[in-house]
N, C-alpha and C. Protein backbone atom coordinates (compact mmCIF):
# COMPACT_ATOMS: atom_id res chain seq x y z
N MET A 1 2.92 -7.86 39.54
CA MET A 1 3.70 -8.30 38.40
C MET A 1 2.79 -8.65 37.21
N MET A 2 1.67 -9.33 37.50
CA MET A 2 0.78 -9.71 36.41
C MET A 2 0.11 -8.49 35.77
N LYS A 3 -0.12 -7.44 36.55
CA LYS A 3 -0.69 -6.22 35.98
C LYS A 3 0.26 -5.59 34.96
N ILE A 4 1.56 -5.68 35.24
CA ILE A 4 2.55 -5.14 34.31
C ILE A 4 2.55 -5.95 33.02
N VAL A 5 2.51 -7.28 33.15
CA VAL A 5 2.49 -8.14 31.97
C VAL A 5 1.21 -7.90 31.17
N GLU A 6 0.08 -7.76 31.88
CA GLU A 6 -1.18 -7.49 31.20
C GLU A 6 -1.13 -6.16 30.46
N TRP A 7 -0.59 -5.14 31.09
CA TRP A 7 -0.49 -3.83 30.46
C TRP A 7 0.41 -3.89 29.22
N VAL A 8 1.53 -4.59 29.31
CA VAL A 8 2.44 -4.71 28.16
C VAL A 8 1.76 -5.44 27.01
N MET A 9 1.06 -6.54 27.31
CA MET A 9 0.39 -7.31 26.25
C MET A 9 -0.72 -6.50 25.58
N VAL A 10 -1.52 -5.81 26.37
CA VAL A 10 -2.61 -5.01 25.80
C VAL A 10 -2.04 -3.86 24.98
N THR A 11 -0.97 -3.25 25.44
CA THR A 11 -0.33 -2.17 24.69
C THR A 11 0.21 -2.68 23.35
N LEU A 12 0.84 -3.85 23.37
CA LEU A 12 1.35 -4.42 22.13
C LEU A 12 0.22 -4.77 21.16
N LEU A 13 -0.89 -5.29 21.68
CA LEU A 13 -2.02 -5.63 20.81
C LEU A 13 -2.66 -4.38 20.20
N TRP A 14 -2.84 -3.33 21.01
CA TRP A 14 -3.39 -2.08 20.47
C TRP A 14 -2.43 -1.48 19.44
N GLY A 15 -1.13 -1.54 19.74
CA GLY A 15 -0.15 -1.02 18.79
C GLY A 15 -0.16 -1.77 17.47
N ALA A 16 -0.26 -3.09 17.55
CA ALA A 16 -0.32 -3.89 16.33
C ALA A 16 -1.58 -3.60 15.54
N LEU A 17 -2.68 -3.41 16.24
CA LEU A 17 -3.95 -3.10 15.57
C LEU A 17 -3.89 -1.75 14.86
N CYS A 18 -3.24 -0.79 15.47
CA CYS A 18 -3.14 0.55 14.86
C CYS A 18 -2.07 0.61 13.77
N LEU A 19 -0.99 -0.12 13.94
CA LEU A 19 0.12 -0.02 13.00
C LEU A 19 -0.02 -0.91 11.77
N ALA A 20 -0.87 -1.93 11.82
CA ALA A 20 -1.01 -2.83 10.67
C ALA A 20 -1.47 -2.09 9.41
N PRO A 21 -2.54 -1.27 9.47
CA PRO A 21 -2.92 -0.54 8.25
C PRO A 21 -1.87 0.49 7.82
N LEU A 22 -1.20 1.09 8.80
CA LEU A 22 -0.17 2.07 8.48
C LEU A 22 0.97 1.42 7.70
N LEU A 23 1.46 0.29 8.18
CA LEU A 23 2.57 -0.37 7.50
C LEU A 23 2.14 -0.92 6.14
N LEU A 24 0.92 -1.41 6.04
CA LEU A 24 0.42 -1.92 4.77
C LEU A 24 0.35 -0.81 3.72
N LEU A 25 -0.19 0.33 4.10
CA LEU A 25 -0.30 1.42 3.13
C LEU A 25 1.05 2.05 2.82
N LEU A 26 1.97 2.05 3.78
CA LEU A 26 3.32 2.53 3.47
C LEU A 26 4.02 1.60 2.48
N ALA A 27 3.82 0.29 2.63
CA ALA A 27 4.41 -0.65 1.68
C ALA A 27 3.79 -0.48 0.29
N LEU A 28 2.47 -0.29 0.23
CA LEU A 28 1.83 -0.05 -1.06
C LEU A 28 2.30 1.26 -1.69
N GLY A 29 2.49 2.28 -0.86
CA GLY A 29 3.01 3.55 -1.36
C GLY A 29 4.42 3.41 -1.89
N ALA A 30 5.24 2.62 -1.21
CA ALA A 30 6.61 2.40 -1.69
C ALA A 30 6.61 1.65 -3.02
N LEU A 31 5.74 0.65 -3.14
CA LEU A 31 5.64 -0.07 -4.42
C LEU A 31 5.15 0.85 -5.53
N LEU A 32 4.21 1.72 -5.21
CA LEU A 32 3.71 2.67 -6.20
C LEU A 32 4.82 3.62 -6.64
N CYS A 33 5.61 4.09 -5.69
CA CYS A 33 6.70 5.01 -6.03
C CYS A 33 7.77 4.32 -6.86
N LEU A 34 8.08 3.08 -6.51
CA LEU A 34 9.13 2.37 -7.25
C LEU A 34 8.68 1.98 -8.65
N GLY A 35 7.40 1.70 -8.80
CA GLY A 35 6.93 1.19 -10.07
C GLY A 35 6.44 2.24 -11.05
N LEU A 36 5.70 3.23 -10.57
CA LEU A 36 4.98 4.10 -11.50
C LEU A 36 5.40 5.56 -11.48
N LEU A 37 5.76 6.08 -10.34
CA LEU A 37 5.94 7.52 -10.22
C LEU A 37 7.40 7.92 -10.33
N ALA A 38 7.60 9.18 -10.67
CA ALA A 38 8.95 9.72 -10.71
C ALA A 38 9.48 9.84 -9.29
N GLN A 39 10.77 9.86 -9.18
CA GLN A 39 11.37 9.88 -7.85
C GLN A 39 11.20 11.21 -7.14
N ALA A 40 10.80 12.23 -7.85
CA ALA A 40 10.63 13.54 -7.22
C ALA A 40 9.38 13.60 -6.35
N SER A 41 8.40 12.75 -6.61
CA SER A 41 7.14 12.84 -5.86
C SER A 41 7.03 11.81 -4.74
N TRP A 42 8.07 11.03 -4.47
CA TRP A 42 7.93 9.97 -3.47
C TRP A 42 7.69 10.48 -2.06
N PRO A 43 8.23 11.62 -1.62
CA PRO A 43 7.91 12.04 -0.25
C PRO A 43 6.43 12.35 -0.05
N TRP A 44 5.80 12.93 -1.06
CA TRP A 44 4.38 13.26 -0.94
C TRP A 44 3.52 12.00 -0.93
N VAL A 45 3.88 11.04 -1.75
CA VAL A 45 3.12 9.79 -1.79
C VAL A 45 3.27 9.04 -0.47
N MET A 46 4.48 8.99 0.06
CA MET A 46 4.71 8.28 1.32
C MET A 46 4.03 9.00 2.49
N ALA A 47 4.06 10.32 2.49
CA ALA A 47 3.37 11.07 3.54
C ALA A 47 1.86 10.86 3.46
N GLY A 48 1.32 10.89 2.25
CA GLY A 48 -0.11 10.64 2.08
C GLY A 48 -0.51 9.24 2.49
N ALA A 49 0.30 8.25 2.09
CA ALA A 49 0.02 6.86 2.47
C ALA A 49 0.13 6.69 3.98
N GLY A 50 1.10 7.35 4.59
CA GLY A 50 1.25 7.26 6.04
C GLY A 50 0.08 7.88 6.78
N LEU A 51 -0.36 9.04 6.33
CA LEU A 51 -1.50 9.69 6.98
C LEU A 51 -2.78 8.89 6.78
N LEU A 52 -2.97 8.36 5.58
CA LEU A 52 -4.15 7.54 5.32
C LEU A 52 -4.12 6.25 6.16
N GLY A 53 -2.95 5.63 6.25
CA GLY A 53 -2.81 4.42 7.06
C GLY A 53 -3.00 4.69 8.54
N LEU A 54 -2.49 5.81 9.02
CA LEU A 54 -2.68 6.16 10.43
C LEU A 54 -4.15 6.44 10.72
N GLY A 55 -4.81 7.15 9.82
CA GLY A 55 -6.24 7.40 10.00
C GLY A 55 -7.05 6.12 9.99
N LEU A 56 -6.70 5.21 9.08
CA LEU A 56 -7.39 3.92 9.02
C LEU A 56 -7.13 3.10 10.28
N GLY A 57 -5.91 3.14 10.79
CA GLY A 57 -5.58 2.42 12.02
C GLY A 57 -6.33 2.97 13.22
N ILE A 58 -6.45 4.28 13.31
CA ILE A 58 -7.20 4.89 14.42
C ILE A 58 -8.68 4.54 14.30
N TRP A 59 -9.22 4.58 13.08
CA TRP A 59 -10.63 4.21 12.87
C TRP A 59 -10.87 2.75 13.26
N LEU A 60 -9.96 1.87 12.87
CA LEU A 60 -10.11 0.45 13.20
C LEU A 60 -10.03 0.23 14.71
N ALA A 61 -9.11 0.91 15.37
CA ALA A 61 -8.98 0.77 16.82
C ALA A 61 -10.23 1.28 17.54
N GLU A 62 -10.77 2.38 17.09
CA GLU A 62 -12.00 2.90 17.70
C GLU A 62 -13.18 1.97 17.45
N ARG A 63 -13.24 1.40 16.27
CA ARG A 63 -14.33 0.46 15.96
C ARG A 63 -14.24 -0.78 16.85
N VAL A 64 -13.04 -1.28 17.05
CA VAL A 64 -12.86 -2.44 17.93
C VAL A 64 -13.17 -2.06 19.37
N ARG A 65 -12.73 -0.89 19.79
CA ARG A 65 -12.96 -0.46 21.17
C ARG A 65 -14.44 -0.29 21.47
N HIS A 66 -15.19 0.27 20.53
CA HIS A 66 -16.63 0.46 20.74
C HIS A 66 -17.43 -0.80 20.48
N GLY A 67 -16.84 -1.75 19.78
CA GLY A 67 -17.54 -2.99 19.46
C GLY A 67 -17.39 -4.02 20.57
N ASN A 68 -16.66 -5.06 20.27
CA ASN A 68 -16.51 -6.17 21.21
C ASN A 68 -15.40 -5.97 22.22
N GLY A 69 -14.43 -5.16 21.91
CA GLY A 69 -13.27 -5.01 22.77
C GLY A 69 -12.07 -5.72 22.15
N LEU A 70 -10.90 -5.39 22.65
CA LEU A 70 -9.66 -5.88 22.04
C LEU A 70 -9.46 -7.37 22.23
N VAL A 71 -9.65 -7.87 23.43
CA VAL A 71 -9.39 -9.28 23.69
C VAL A 71 -10.39 -10.16 22.94
N SER A 72 -11.64 -9.75 22.89
CA SER A 72 -12.65 -10.50 22.15
C SER A 72 -12.36 -10.46 20.65
N PHE A 73 -11.94 -9.32 20.13
CA PHE A 73 -11.59 -9.20 18.71
C PHE A 73 -10.41 -10.10 18.37
N TYR A 74 -9.41 -10.09 19.22
CA TYR A 74 -8.23 -10.93 18.99
C TYR A 74 -8.60 -12.41 19.08
N GLY A 75 -9.49 -12.76 20.01
CA GLY A 75 -9.95 -14.14 20.12
C GLY A 75 -10.70 -14.59 18.88
N LYS A 76 -11.50 -13.69 18.30
CA LYS A 76 -12.21 -14.03 17.06
C LYS A 76 -11.23 -14.22 15.90
N LEU A 77 -10.16 -13.44 15.88
CA LEU A 77 -9.17 -13.61 14.83
C LEU A 77 -8.44 -14.95 14.96
N MET A 78 -8.16 -15.36 16.18
CA MET A 78 -7.40 -16.58 16.41
C MET A 78 -8.27 -17.84 16.40
N ASN A 79 -9.58 -17.71 16.46
CA ASN A 79 -10.47 -18.86 16.51
C ASN A 79 -10.95 -19.19 15.10
N ASN A 80 -10.17 -20.00 14.41
CA ASN A 80 -10.59 -20.44 13.08
C ASN A 80 -10.33 -21.94 12.94
N ARG A 81 -10.90 -22.52 11.91
CA ARG A 81 -10.83 -23.97 11.75
C ARG A 81 -9.41 -24.47 11.52
N GLU A 82 -8.59 -23.70 10.85
CA GLU A 82 -7.23 -24.14 10.57
C GLU A 82 -6.40 -24.27 11.85
N LEU A 83 -6.62 -23.36 12.80
CA LEU A 83 -5.88 -23.42 14.05
C LEU A 83 -6.46 -24.42 15.04
N ASN A 84 -7.76 -24.65 14.98
CA ASN A 84 -8.43 -25.51 15.96
C ASN A 84 -8.76 -26.89 15.41
N ASP A 85 -8.16 -27.30 14.32
CA ASP A 85 -8.46 -28.59 13.71
C ASP A 85 -7.91 -29.72 14.59
N PRO A 86 -8.75 -30.62 15.09
CA PRO A 86 -8.26 -31.69 15.96
C PRO A 86 -7.48 -32.75 15.20
N LYS A 87 -7.50 -32.75 13.88
CA LYS A 87 -6.77 -33.74 13.09
C LYS A 87 -5.27 -33.49 13.10
N ASN A 88 -4.86 -32.26 13.36
CA ASN A 88 -3.43 -31.93 13.35
C ASN A 88 -2.76 -32.35 14.62
């Protein structure tokens, strides 16, 4: 049972790591389309932003995988003074 929970958690963490740049660039592409560009070019901008975000997400995941590993990377993200302040 714990192996299943571990697999689900690791899958969700890898998915979040890969999808964060994708969603960020899709949101920036949508803002760009709404603010500056004509409505005829929005599919190309969104496709380009999606491909760029997916490529960036894959690069980030590979960098984490070859570096410290996922759990260590996530631990470094969560270990900051604001979260570990004993005064709170």
